[in-house]
Amino acid sequence: MGLPLGREVQVRYADGRRAIRREANSVWIKILDRDTTLPAVVEPRRQTALIGAIVLEALDLLVDCTAQRVVPRDPSGPVYEIE
């Protein structure tokens, strides 16, 4: 993806394997007209981005498992909860 790489970080895969990967700082992410900037771990041979809970939370998106898609929690815009 051509991202500038930063520090090395340790990652653990779902199957228990561990590896050292590089982190890219300030990656701009836009999904469904919502955007944010976050650090990302770069997987060397991966051709597509894999998003997780932190990205979904930052963009206020939910996973619709039945339809296999992500959807806005509130279609009118992100809602931020402050405790």
Protein backbone atom coordinates (compact mmCIF):
# COMPACT_ATOMS: atom_id res chain seq x y z
CA MET A 1 0.00 0.00 0.00
CA GLY A 2 3.04 2.26 0.03
CA LEU A 3 2.70 3.43 3.64
CA PRO A 4 5.69 5.01 5.44
CA LEU A 5 6.76 2.58 8.14
CA GLY A 6 7.53 3.41 11.75
CA ARG A 7 8.47 1.32 14.77
CA GLU A 8 8.37 -2.46 15.10
CA VAL A 9 5.48 -3.97 17.08
CA GLN A 10 4.68 -7.51 18.19
CA VAL A 11 1.46 -9.00 16.82
CA ARG A 12 -0.46 -12.15 17.75
CA TYR A 13 -2.67 -13.87 15.19
CA ALA A 14 -5.98 -15.60 15.94
CA ASP A 15 -4.27 -19.00 15.64
CA GLY A 16 -1.75 -18.04 18.34
CA ARG A 17 1.26 -17.32 16.09
CA ARG A 18 3.34 -14.27 16.95
CA ALA A 19 5.39 -12.04 14.67
CA ILE A 20 7.14 -8.69 14.52
CA ARG A 21 5.59 -6.22 12.08
CA ARG A 22 6.03 -2.53 11.33
CA GLU A 23 3.54 0.16 12.25
CA ALA A 24 2.43 2.94 9.92
CA ASN A 25 1.47 6.17 11.68
CA SER A 26 -1.41 8.42 10.72
CA VAL A 27 -3.20 6.16 8.23
CA TRP A 28 -6.29 7.90 6.86
CA ILE A 29 -9.31 5.57 6.76
CA LYS A 30 -12.61 6.39 5.06
CA ILE A 31 -15.62 4.07 5.10
CA LEU A 32 -19.21 5.08 4.30
CA ASP A 33 -18.35 8.80 4.21
CA ARG A 34 -16.83 8.62 7.72
CA ASP A 35 -13.13 9.09 8.19
CA THR A 36 -10.45 8.96 10.85
CA THR A 37 -6.69 8.77 11.16
CA LEU A 38 -5.14 5.93 13.15
CA PRO A 39 -1.91 3.95 13.34
CA ALA A 40 -1.98 0.62 11.47
CA VAL A 41 0.07 -2.57 11.54
CA VAL A 42 1.45 -3.46 8.11
CA GLU A 43 1.22 -7.10 7.02
CA PRO A 44 3.88 -7.48 4.28
CA ARG A 45 2.07 -9.78 1.83
CA ARG A 46 -1.48 -8.54 2.36
CA GLN A 47 -3.18 -6.85 -0.61
CA THR A 48 -6.23 -5.50 1.25
CA ALA A 49 -6.85 -3.76 4.55
CA LEU A 50 -8.25 -5.67 7.52
CA ILE A 51 -10.18 -3.47 9.93
CA GLY A 52 -10.94 -4.29 13.54
CA ALA A 53 -12.80 -3.05 16.58
CA ILE A 54 -10.80 0.17 17.03
CA VAL A 55 -11.53 1.35 13.47
CA LEU A 56 -15.21 0.40 13.78
CA GLU A 57 -15.50 2.26 17.07
CA ALA A 58 -13.69 5.34 15.75
CA LEU A 59 -16.06 5.51 12.77
CA ASP A 60 -19.14 4.57 14.85
CA LEU A 61 -19.91 1.58 12.62
CA LEU A 62 -21.50 -1.77 13.45
CA VAL A 63 -21.05 -5.16 11.78
CA ASP A 64 -24.19 -6.67 10.24
CA CYS A 65 -23.16 -10.33 10.20
CA THR A 66 -26.33 -11.51 8.44
CA ALA A 67 -25.79 -9.19 5.47
CA GLN A 68 -21.96 -9.37 5.74
CA ARG A 69 -21.45 -5.60 5.75
CA VAL A 70 -20.74 -2.68 8.04
CA VAL A 71 -23.46 -0.14 8.76
CA PRO A 72 -23.58 3.19 10.61
CA ARG A 73 -24.87 2.91 14.17
CA ASP A 74 -26.79 6.15 13.53
CA PRO A 75 -27.33 7.04 9.84
CA SER A 76 -27.46 10.76 10.66
CA GLY A 77 -23.81 10.77 11.74
CA PRO A 78 -21.40 9.50 14.37
CA VAL A 79 -22.58 9.58 17.98
CA TYR A 80 -19.87 9.87 20.63
CA GLU A 81 -20.51 8.64 24.14
CA ILE A 82 -18.92 10.51 27.01
CA GLU A 83 -18.92 9.03 30.48
